[in-house]
Amino acid sequence: GTSSLTPCDVYLYYKNIDLFCDYFEVERDSLGRRYYIRQHQLRRFFALIFLHCGYGANVGILQWMFGHTDPAHIWNYITEELPGKELQNTLSQALSERIASGGATYYTDVVDLIEAKFGTRNVSLMDAEQLAEYFDFLMESGQMTMEPVFLESDNGLRVDILVVVRKQDEMG
């Protein structure tokens, strides 16, 4: 009931979020305790939504927005709670954006698979979403695996995606 703003501290911040959850009657667990939202959950949710739904969104932009100098921190936000399929989709999307935006020179084995499927090596003409779907298929069929790796160079830390392609004769 005052006409001025009250200085906010952590206690007041969480108290107001809890009141919000009480007002909207957020679900309760089996013991009747209400689920309350915390700031790290909001940050993780934003990171996932931004990366999956933002046009032109990539890990580098997200890293800048969060103020992280270490790309491993952003990958932690993105992947800590993700099940295997969602993590696979995240890696597929990141690789497809990298290849479609001109980073294909480092992924010649992957470009060979793209050429065999789509009849072109000019991956910059392809839609990043179509590439991501194809990469998901390759991983599901066991022809390819992906892992993020964190490298340090003269320009600082960066994330790269390590891709292992298995040829048909190498698959058991």
N, C-alpha and C. Protein backbone atom coordinates (compact mmCIF):
# COMPACT_ATOMS: atom_id res chain seq x y z
N GLY A 1 0.77 -1.19 0.00
CA GLY A 1 0.00 0.00 0.00
C GLY A 1 0.82 1.27 0.00
N THR A 2 2.10 1.23 -0.41
CA THR A 2 2.87 2.47 -0.47
C THR A 2 2.93 2.96 -1.90
N SER A 3 3.29 4.23 -2.04
CA SER A 3 3.38 4.79 -3.38
C SER A 3 4.80 4.76 -3.92
N SER A 4 5.71 4.13 -3.20
CA SER A 4 7.10 4.04 -3.67
C SER A 4 7.47 2.58 -3.90
N LEU A 5 8.53 2.40 -4.64
CA LEU A 5 9.02 1.04 -4.90
C LEU A 5 9.80 0.55 -3.69
N THR A 6 9.63 -0.72 -3.39
CA THR A 6 10.37 -1.34 -2.29
C THR A 6 11.64 -1.95 -2.84
N PRO A 7 12.79 -1.69 -2.20
CA PRO A 7 14.03 -2.34 -2.68
C PRO A 7 13.87 -3.86 -2.63
N CYS A 8 14.31 -4.50 -3.69
CA CYS A 8 14.14 -5.95 -3.80
C CYS A 8 15.42 -6.66 -3.38
N ASP A 9 15.28 -7.65 -2.55
CA ASP A 9 16.40 -8.53 -2.22
C ASP A 9 15.98 -9.96 -2.58
N VAL A 10 16.85 -10.91 -2.38
CA VAL A 10 16.56 -12.30 -2.77
C VAL A 10 15.33 -12.82 -2.04
N TYR A 11 15.23 -12.51 -0.77
CA TYR A 11 14.09 -12.99 0.01
C TYR A 11 12.77 -12.48 -0.58
N LEU A 12 12.68 -11.18 -0.83
CA LEU A 12 11.47 -10.59 -1.38
C LEU A 12 11.18 -11.11 -2.79
N TYR A 13 12.23 -11.29 -3.58
CA TYR A 13 12.08 -11.81 -4.95
C TYR A 13 11.41 -13.19 -4.93
N TYR A 14 11.95 -14.10 -4.12
CA TYR A 14 11.38 -15.45 -4.07
C TYR A 14 10.01 -15.47 -3.39
N LYS A 15 9.79 -14.59 -2.42
CA LYS A 15 8.48 -14.50 -1.79
C LYS A 15 7.42 -14.13 -2.82
N ASN A 16 7.73 -13.17 -3.69
CA ASN A 16 6.77 -12.76 -4.72
C ASN A 16 6.56 -13.84 -5.78
N ILE A 17 7.61 -14.57 -6.14
CA ILE A 17 7.43 -15.69 -7.07
C ILE A 17 6.55 -16.76 -6.43
N ASP A 18 6.76 -17.03 -5.14
CA ASP A 18 5.93 -18.01 -4.43
C ASP A 18 4.47 -17.57 -4.38
N LEU A 19 4.23 -16.27 -4.15
CA LEU A 19 2.86 -15.74 -4.16
C LEU A 19 2.22 -15.91 -5.54
N PHE A 20 3.01 -15.68 -6.58
CA PHE A 20 2.55 -15.89 -7.95
C PHE A 20 2.11 -17.34 -8.14
N CYS A 21 2.93 -18.28 -7.71
CA CYS A 21 2.61 -19.71 -7.85
C CYS A 21 1.37 -20.07 -7.03
N ASP A 22 1.23 -19.47 -5.82
CA ASP A 22 0.04 -19.72 -5.01
C ASP A 22 -1.20 -19.16 -5.69
N TYR A 23 -1.10 -17.97 -6.24
CA TYR A 23 -2.25 -17.33 -6.89
C TYR A 23 -2.76 -18.15 -8.07
N PHE A 24 -1.83 -18.65 -8.88
CA PHE A 24 -2.23 -19.44 -10.05
C PHE A 24 -2.37 -20.93 -9.73
N GLU A 25 -2.28 -21.27 -8.46
CA GLU A 25 -2.49 -22.64 -7.99
C GLU A 25 -1.68 -23.65 -8.78
N VAL A 26 -0.37 -23.43 -8.78
CA VAL A 26 0.56 -24.35 -9.42
C VAL A 26 0.40 -25.72 -8.76
N GLU A 27 0.62 -26.77 -9.52
CA GLU A 27 0.40 -28.14 -9.02
C GLU A 27 1.13 -28.41 -7.71
N ARG A 28 0.67 -29.46 -7.03
CA ARG A 28 1.28 -29.90 -5.77
C ARG A 28 1.82 -31.32 -5.95
N ASP A 29 2.79 -31.68 -5.11
CA ASP A 29 3.31 -33.04 -5.15
C ASP A 29 2.39 -33.96 -4.35
N SER A 30 2.76 -35.23 -4.19
CA SER A 30 1.90 -36.21 -3.53
C SER A 30 1.70 -35.90 -2.04
N LEU A 31 2.57 -35.08 -1.45
CA LEU A 31 2.43 -34.71 -0.05
C LEU A 31 1.71 -33.37 0.14
N GLY A 32 1.22 -32.81 -0.95
CA GLY A 32 0.48 -31.56 -0.89
C GLY A 32 1.33 -30.31 -0.93
N ARG A 33 2.63 -30.45 -1.17
CA ARG A 33 3.52 -29.29 -1.24
C ARG A 33 3.49 -28.72 -2.65
N ARG A 34 3.40 -27.41 -2.73
CA ARG A 34 3.32 -26.73 -4.03
C ARG A 34 4.70 -26.68 -4.68
N TYR A 35 4.73 -26.83 -6.00
CA TYR A 35 5.96 -26.65 -6.76
C TYR A 35 6.18 -25.15 -6.96
N TYR A 36 7.34 -24.66 -6.55
CA TYR A 36 7.66 -23.25 -6.72
C TYR A 36 8.79 -23.08 -7.74
N ILE A 37 8.70 -22.03 -8.52
CA ILE A 37 9.68 -21.75 -9.57
C ILE A 37 10.85 -21.01 -8.96
N ARG A 38 12.06 -21.30 -9.46
CA ARG A 38 13.26 -20.58 -9.03
C ARG A 38 13.96 -20.00 -10.24
N GLN A 39 14.80 -19.00 -9.99
CA GLN A 39 15.42 -18.25 -11.08
C GLN A 39 16.24 -19.13 -12.01
N HIS A 40 16.99 -20.10 -11.48
CA HIS A 40 17.80 -20.96 -12.36
C HIS A 40 16.92 -21.77 -13.30
N GLN A 41 15.69 -22.11 -12.85
CA GLN A 41 14.77 -22.83 -13.73
C GLN A 41 14.29 -21.92 -14.86
N LEU A 42 14.05 -20.65 -14.55
CA LEU A 42 13.64 -19.70 -15.58
C LEU A 42 14.75 -19.47 -16.60
N ARG A 43 16.01 -19.38 -16.12
CA ARG A 43 17.14 -19.21 -17.04
C ARG A 43 17.29 -20.42 -17.95
N ARG A 44 17.17 -21.61 -17.39
CA ARG A 44 17.30 -22.83 -18.19
C ARG A 44 16.17 -22.91 -19.21
N PHE A 45 14.96 -22.61 -18.81
CA PHE A 45 13.82 -22.62 -19.71
C PHE A 45 14.03 -21.62 -20.84
N PHE A 46 14.48 -20.41 -20.50
CA PHE A 46 14.72 -19.40 -21.52
C PHE A 46 15.78 -19.90 -22.51
N ALA A 47 16.88 -20.47 -22.00
CA ALA A 47 17.94 -20.96 -22.87
C ALA A 47 17.41 -22.01 -23.85
N LEU A 48 16.61 -22.94 -23.36
CA LEU A 48 16.06 -23.98 -24.22
C LEU A 48 15.11 -23.41 -25.26
N ILE A 49 14.21 -22.55 -24.84
CA ILE A 49 13.24 -21.96 -25.77
C ILE A 49 13.95 -21.09 -26.81
N PHE A 50 14.89 -20.28 -26.35
CA PHE A 50 15.62 -19.40 -27.27
C PHE A 50 16.35 -20.22 -28.33
N LEU A 51 17.04 -21.26 -27.89
CA LEU A 51 17.83 -22.06 -28.81
C LEU A 51 16.96 -22.84 -29.80
N HIS A 52 15.84 -23.36 -29.32
CA HIS A 52 15.01 -24.19 -30.19
C HIS A 52 14.03 -23.40 -31.05
N CYS A 53 13.66 -22.20 -30.63
CA CYS A 53 12.61 -21.46 -31.34
C CYS A 53 13.08 -20.15 -31.96
N GLY A 54 14.23 -19.66 -31.57
CA GLY A 54 14.68 -18.37 -32.07
C GLY A 54 15.28 -18.48 -33.46
N TYR A 55 14.80 -17.64 -34.38
CA TYR A 55 15.36 -17.64 -35.73
C TYR A 55 16.77 -17.07 -35.67
N GLY A 56 17.75 -17.81 -36.15
CA GLY A 56 19.14 -17.37 -36.12
C GLY A 56 19.78 -17.51 -34.75
N ALA A 57 19.07 -18.15 -33.82
CA ALA A 57 19.61 -18.32 -32.47
C ALA A 57 20.72 -19.35 -32.50
N ASN A 58 21.78 -19.08 -31.77
CA ASN A 58 22.85 -20.07 -31.65
C ASN A 58 23.46 -19.97 -30.26
N VAL A 59 24.33 -20.92 -29.96
CA VAL A 59 24.92 -21.00 -28.63
C VAL A 59 25.77 -19.77 -28.33
N GLY A 60 26.44 -19.21 -29.35
CA GLY A 60 27.26 -18.03 -29.14
C GLY A 60 26.45 -16.82 -28.67
N ILE A 61 25.28 -16.62 -29.28
CA ILE A 61 24.42 -15.51 -28.87
C ILE A 61 23.92 -15.74 -27.45
N LEU A 62 23.51 -16.95 -27.15
CA LEU A 62 23.03 -17.28 -25.82
C LEU A 62 24.14 -17.09 -24.78
N GLN A 63 25.33 -17.47 -25.13
CA GLN A 63 26.49 -17.29 -24.23
C GLN A 63 26.69 -15.80 -23.94
N TRP A 64 26.58 -14.97 -24.96
CA TRP A 64 26.72 -13.52 -24.77
C TRP A 64 25.60 -12.97 -23.89
N MET A 65 24.35 -13.41 -24.14
CA MET A 65 23.21 -12.92 -23.37
C MET A 65 23.33 -13.28 -21.89
N PHE A 66 23.84 -14.45 -21.60
CA PHE A 66 23.97 -14.90 -20.22
C PHE A 66 25.24 -14.37 -19.55
N GLY A 67 26.14 -13.80 -20.36
CA GLY A 67 27.36 -13.26 -19.81
C GLY A 67 28.37 -14.32 -19.39
N HIS A 68 28.34 -15.46 -20.04
CA HIS A 68 29.26 -16.54 -19.72
C HIS A 68 30.48 -16.49 -20.64
N THR A 69 31.66 -16.57 -20.06
CA THR A 69 32.87 -16.62 -20.88
C THR A 69 33.22 -18.04 -21.26
N ASP A 70 32.73 -18.99 -20.52
CA ASP A 70 33.02 -20.40 -20.78
C ASP A 70 31.81 -21.04 -21.48
N PRO A 71 31.96 -21.50 -22.72
CA PRO A 71 30.82 -22.10 -23.43
C PRO A 71 30.29 -23.36 -22.76
N ALA A 72 31.10 -24.00 -21.93
CA ALA A 72 30.63 -25.19 -21.22
C ALA A 72 29.48 -24.85 -20.28
N HIS A 73 29.45 -23.63 -19.75
CA HIS A 73 28.36 -23.23 -18.86
C HIS A 73 27.03 -23.20 -19.60
N ILE A 74 27.04 -22.68 -20.83
CA ILE A 74 25.81 -22.63 -21.61
C ILE A 74 25.36 -24.04 -21.96
N TRP A 75 26.29 -24.90 -22.35
CA TRP A 75 25.91 -26.29 -22.65
C TRP A 75 25.35 -26.96 -21.42
N ASN A 76 25.84 -26.60 -20.24
CA ASN A 76 25.28 -27.14 -19.00
C ASN A 76 23.82 -26.72 -18.85
N TYR A 77 23.52 -25.44 -19.11
CA TYR A 77 22.13 -24.98 -19.05
C TYR A 77 21.25 -25.74 -20.03
N ILE A 78 21.77 -25.94 -21.22
CA ILE A 78 20.97 -26.55 -22.27
C ILE A 78 20.77 -28.05 -22.04
N THR A 79 21.80 -28.73 -21.58
CA THR A 79 21.77 -30.19 -21.60
C THR A 79 21.59 -30.87 -20.25
N GLU A 80 21.69 -30.16 -19.16
CA GLU A 80 21.66 -30.81 -17.85
C GLU A 80 20.40 -31.62 -17.61
N GLU A 81 19.27 -31.09 -18.01
CA GLU A 81 18.00 -31.75 -17.75
C GLU A 81 17.41 -32.44 -18.98
N LEU A 82 18.15 -32.45 -20.09
CA LEU A 82 17.58 -32.99 -21.32
C LEU A 82 17.74 -34.50 -21.40
N PRO A 83 16.67 -35.19 -21.78
CA PRO A 83 16.83 -36.62 -22.08
C PRO A 83 17.60 -36.80 -23.38
N GLY A 84 18.01 -38.01 -23.67
CA GLY A 84 18.86 -38.30 -24.82
C GLY A 84 18.35 -37.77 -26.14
N LYS A 85 17.07 -37.92 -26.42
CA LYS A 85 16.50 -37.49 -27.70
C LYS A 85 16.57 -35.98 -27.85
N GLU A 86 16.26 -35.24 -26.80
CA GLU A 86 16.30 -33.78 -26.86
C GLU A 86 17.75 -33.29 -26.99
N LEU A 87 18.67 -33.94 -26.32
CA LEU A 87 20.08 -33.57 -26.46
C LEU A 87 20.55 -33.83 -27.88
N GLN A 88 20.14 -34.94 -28.45
CA GLN A 88 20.47 -35.26 -29.84
C GLN A 88 19.93 -34.19 -30.78
N ASN A 89 18.69 -33.74 -30.55
CA ASN A 89 18.10 -32.70 -31.39
C ASN A 89 18.85 -31.38 -31.26
N THR A 90 19.30 -31.06 -30.06
CA THR A 90 20.05 -29.83 -29.84
C THR A 90 21.37 -29.86 -30.60
N LEU A 91 22.07 -30.98 -30.54
CA LEU A 91 23.33 -31.11 -31.27
C LEU A 91 23.10 -31.08 -32.78
N SER A 92 22.03 -31.73 -33.24
CA SER A 92 21.70 -31.72 -34.67
C SER A 92 21.45 -30.30 -35.16
N GLN A 93 20.69 -29.56 -34.38
CA GLN A 93 20.38 -28.18 -34.76
C GLN A 93 21.64 -27.32 -34.79
N ALA A 94 22.48 -27.46 -33.78
CA ALA A 94 23.70 -26.66 -33.73
C ALA A 94 24.62 -26.99 -34.90
N LEU A 95 24.77 -28.28 -35.23
CA LEU A 95 25.63 -28.67 -36.34
C LEU A 95 25.04 -28.20 -37.67
N SER A 96 23.74 -28.34 -37.85
CA SER A 96 23.13 -27.92 -39.12
C SER A 96 23.27 -26.43 -39.34
N GLU A 97 23.12 -25.64 -38.29
CA GLU A 97 23.31 -24.19 -38.43
C GLU A 97 24.76 -23.85 -38.77
N ARG A 98 25.67 -24.57 -38.14
CA ARG A 98 27.09 -24.32 -38.41
C ARG A 98 27.43 -24.67 -39.85
N ILE A 99 26.97 -25.82 -40.33
CA ILE A 99 27.27 -26.25 -41.70
C ILE A 99 26.58 -25.35 -42.72
N ALA A 100 25.30 -25.03 -42.48
CA ALA A 100 24.55 -24.20 -43.43
C ALA A 100 25.08 -22.78 -43.51
N SER A 101 25.75 -22.30 -42.46
CA SER A 101 26.28 -20.93 -42.48
C SER A 101 27.73 -20.87 -42.93
N GLY A 102 28.22 -21.92 -43.55
CA GLY A 102 29.55 -21.87 -44.14
C GLY A 102 30.62 -22.64 -43.41
N GLY A 103 30.27 -23.40 -42.41
CA GLY A 103 31.27 -24.15 -41.65
C GLY A 103 31.43 -25.57 -42.11
N ALA A 104 31.11 -25.85 -43.37
CA ALA A 104 31.14 -27.22 -43.86
C ALA A 104 32.54 -27.75 -44.12
N THR A 105 33.53 -26.88 -44.21
CA THR A 105 34.88 -27.34 -44.55
C THR A 105 35.46 -28.26 -43.49
N TYR A 106 34.98 -28.17 -42.26
CA TYR A 106 35.50 -29.02 -41.19
C TYR A 106 34.77 -30.35 -41.08
N TYR A 107 33.70 -30.50 -41.83
CA TYR A 107 32.86 -31.69 -41.71
C TYR A 107 32.72 -32.39 -43.06
N THR A 108 33.84 -32.74 -43.68
CA THR A 108 33.80 -33.31 -45.03
C THR A 108 33.09 -34.66 -45.07
N ASP A 109 33.24 -35.50 -44.04
CA ASP A 109 32.55 -36.78 -44.03
C ASP A 109 31.03 -36.60 -43.94
N VAL A 110 30.62 -35.60 -43.18
CA VAL A 110 29.18 -35.30 -43.07
C VAL A 110 28.66 -34.77 -44.41
N VAL A 111 29.45 -33.93 -45.07
CA VAL A 111 29.05 -33.39 -46.38
C VAL A 111 28.95 -34.52 -47.40
N ASP A 112 29.81 -35.53 -47.29
CA ASP A 112 29.71 -36.70 -48.18
C ASP A 112 28.36 -37.40 -48.00
N LEU A 113 27.91 -37.53 -46.75
CA LEU A 113 26.60 -38.14 -46.51
C LEU A 113 25.47 -37.28 -47.06
N ILE A 114 25.61 -35.97 -46.92
CA ILE A 114 24.60 -35.04 -47.45
C ILE A 114 24.53 -35.15 -48.96
N GLU A 115 25.70 -35.22 -49.60
CA GLU A 115 25.73 -35.33 -51.06
C GLU A 115 25.08 -36.64 -51.52
N ALA A 116 25.35 -37.74 -50.79
CA ALA A 116 24.75 -39.01 -51.17
C ALA A 116 23.23 -38.98 -51.05
N LYS A 117 22.73 -38.25 -50.08
CA LYS A 117 21.28 -38.18 -49.85
C LYS A 117 20.59 -37.13 -50.73
N PHE A 118 21.18 -35.92 -50.83
CA PHE A 118 20.50 -34.80 -51.48
C PHE A 118 21.10 -34.41 -52.83
N GLY A 119 22.22 -35.01 -53.21
CA GLY A 119 22.80 -34.76 -54.52
C GLY A 119 23.53 -33.44 -54.67
N THR A 120 23.94 -32.83 -53.56
CA THR A 120 24.70 -31.58 -53.64
C THR A 120 25.68 -31.47 -52.48
N ARG A 121 26.80 -30.83 -52.77
CA ARG A 121 27.77 -30.53 -51.71
C ARG A 121 27.62 -29.08 -51.24
N ASN A 122 26.78 -28.33 -51.91
CA ASN A 122 26.57 -26.93 -51.57
C ASN A 122 25.53 -26.85 -50.45
N VAL A 123 25.97 -27.10 -49.23
CA VAL A 123 25.04 -27.17 -48.11
C VAL A 123 24.50 -25.80 -47.70
N SER A 124 25.13 -24.72 -48.17
CA SER A 124 24.61 -23.40 -47.82
C SER A 124 23.25 -23.14 -48.48
N LEU A 125 22.92 -23.93 -49.51
CA LEU A 125 21.61 -23.81 -50.15
C LEU A 125 20.51 -24.52 -49.36
N MET A 126 20.92 -25.38 -48.45
CA MET A 126 19.94 -26.20 -47.75
C MET A 126 19.37 -25.49 -46.55
N ASP A 127 18.19 -25.90 -46.17
CA ASP A 127 17.52 -25.40 -44.98
C ASP A 127 18.13 -26.06 -43.75
N ALA A 128 18.46 -25.26 -42.73
CA ALA A 128 19.09 -25.79 -41.51
C ALA A 128 18.18 -26.79 -40.81
N GLU A 129 16.88 -26.55 -40.86
CA GLU A 129 15.93 -27.47 -40.22
C GLU A 129 15.91 -28.82 -40.92
N GLN A 130 15.98 -28.83 -42.25
CA GLN A 130 16.02 -30.07 -43.02
C GLN A 130 17.30 -30.83 -42.70
N LEU A 131 18.42 -30.11 -42.59
CA LEU A 131 19.68 -30.76 -42.21
C LEU A 131 19.59 -31.37 -40.82
N ALA A 132 19.01 -30.64 -39.89
CA ALA A 132 18.89 -31.15 -38.52
C ALA A 132 18.08 -32.44 -38.48
N GLU A 133 17.01 -32.48 -39.24
CA GLU A 133 16.20 -33.71 -39.30
C GLU A 133 17.00 -34.87 -39.89
N TYR A 134 17.79 -34.59 -40.90
CA TYR A 134 18.62 -35.63 -41.50
C TYR A 134 19.68 -36.12 -40.51
N PHE A 135 20.27 -35.19 -39.76
CA PHE A 135 21.27 -35.58 -38.75
C PHE A 135 20.63 -36.42 -37.65
N ASP A 136 19.40 -36.09 -37.26
CA ASP A 136 18.68 -36.91 -36.28
C ASP A 136 18.53 -38.34 -36.80
N PHE A 137 18.15 -38.46 -38.08
CA PHE A 137 18.00 -39.77 -38.70
C PHE A 137 19.33 -40.53 -38.68
N LEU A 138 20.42 -39.85 -39.05
CA LEU A 138 21.74 -40.51 -39.06
C LEU A 138 22.14 -41.01 -37.68
N MET A 139 21.83 -40.23 -36.65
CA MET A 139 22.17 -40.66 -35.29
C MET A 139 21.28 -41.81 -34.83
N GLU A 140 19.99 -41.74 -35.15
CA GLU A 140 19.08 -42.82 -34.77
C GLU A 140 19.44 -44.13 -35.45
N SER A 141 19.96 -44.05 -36.68
CA SER A 141 20.33 -45.27 -37.41
C SER A 141 21.75 -45.73 -37.07
N GLY A 142 22.44 -45.01 -36.21
CA GLY A 142 23.78 -45.40 -35.78
C GLY A 142 24.88 -45.06 -36.76
N GLN A 143 24.59 -44.27 -37.80
CA GLN A 143 25.60 -43.91 -38.78
C GLN A 143 26.47 -42.73 -38.33
N MET A 144 26.01 -42.01 -37.29
CA MET A 144 26.74 -40.83 -36.86
C MET A 144 26.51 -40.59 -35.38
N THR A 145 27.53 -40.10 -34.68
CA THR A 145 27.38 -39.65 -33.30
C THR A 145 27.95 -38.25 -33.20
N MET A 146 27.46 -37.49 -32.22
CA MET A 146 27.94 -36.13 -32.01
C MET A 146 28.17 -35.89 -30.53
N GLU A 147 29.20 -35.12 -30.23
CA GLU A 147 29.49 -34.71 -28.86
C GLU A 147 30.04 -33.30 -28.88
N PRO A 148 29.61 -32.44 -27.95
CA PRO A 148 30.25 -31.12 -27.87
C PRO A 148 31.61 -31.25 -27.20
N VAL A 149 32.60 -30.55 -27.72
CA VAL A 149 33.92 -30.49 -27.11
C VAL A 149 34.27 -29.03 -26.89
N PHE A 150 34.98 -28.75 -25.82
CA PHE A 150 35.31 -27.39 -25.44
C PHE A 150 36.81 -27.19 -25.59
N LEU A 151 37.18 -26.26 -26.46
CA LEU A 151 38.58 -26.04 -26.81
C LEU A 151 39.01 -24.64 -26.40
N GLU A 152 40.27 -24.52 -26.03
CA GLU A 152 40.81 -23.22 -25.70
C GLU A 152 41.82 -22.83 -26.77
N SER A 153 41.67 -21.62 -27.29
CA SER A 153 42.59 -21.12 -28.29
C SER A 153 43.07 -19.74 -27.86
N ASP A 154 43.80 -19.05 -28.73
CA ASP A 154 44.26 -17.70 -28.42
C ASP A 154 43.10 -16.73 -28.23
N ASN A 155 41.96 -17.05 -28.83
CA ASN A 155 40.77 -16.19 -28.73
C ASN A 155 39.88 -16.56 -27.55
N GLY A 156 40.30 -17.49 -26.72
CA GLY A 156 39.49 -17.91 -25.57
C GLY A 156 38.86 -19.26 -25.80
N LEU A 157 37.91 -19.58 -24.93
CA LEU A 157 37.22 -20.86 -25.01
C LEU A 157 36.15 -20.83 -26.09
N ARG A 158 35.95 -21.97 -26.74
CA ARG A 158 34.89 -22.08 -27.72
C ARG A 158 34.39 -23.52 -27.72
N VAL A 159 33.21 -23.70 -28.27
CA VAL A 159 32.65 -25.04 -28.36
C VAL A 159 32.67 -25.48 -29.82
N ASP A 160 33.05 -26.71 -30.03
CA ASP A 160 32.96 -27.33 -31.34
C ASP A 160 32.16 -28.61 -31.18
N ILE A 161 31.66 -29.11 -32.26
CA ILE A 161 30.89 -30.34 -32.22
C ILE A 161 31.70 -31.42 -32.91
N LEU A 162 32.07 -32.43 -32.15
CA LEU A 162 32.82 -33.56 -32.67
C LEU A 162 31.83 -34.53 -33.29
N VAL A 163 32.05 -34.87 -34.56
CA VAL A 163 31.16 -35.77 -35.27
C VAL A 163 31.93 -37.00 -35.69
N VAL A 164 31.39 -38.16 -35.39
CA VAL A 164 31.98 -39.43 -35.83
C VAL A 164 31.00 -40.05 -36.81
N VAL A 165 31.47 -40.28 -38.04
CA VAL A 165 30.65 -40.89 -39.08
C VAL A 165 31.11 -42.33 -39.26
N ARG A 166 30.15 -43.24 -39.25
CA ARG A 166 30.46 -44.65 -39.47
C ARG A 166 29.99 -45.03 -40.86
N LYS A 167 30.88 -45.55 -41.65
CA LYS A 167 30.53 -46.03 -43.00
C LYS A 167 29.75 -47.34 -42.86
N GLN A 168 29.02 -47.67 -43.89
CA GLN A 168 28.19 -48.88 -43.85
C GLN A 168 29.00 -50.13 -43.52
N ASP A 169 30.23 -50.23 -44.06
CA ASP A 169 31.02 -51.44 -43.80
C ASP A 169 31.61 -51.45 -42.41
N GLU A 170 31.59 -50.32 -41.67
CA GLU A 170 32.11 -50.27 -40.31
C GLU A 170 31.02 -50.57 -39.28
N MET A 171 29.76 -50.55 -39.70
CA MET A 171 28.66 -50.78 -38.78
C MET A 171 28.48 -52.28 -38.59
N GLY A 172 28.38 -52.68 -37.31
CA GLY A 172 28.28 -54.10 -36.98
C GLY A 172 27.05 -54.68 -37.44
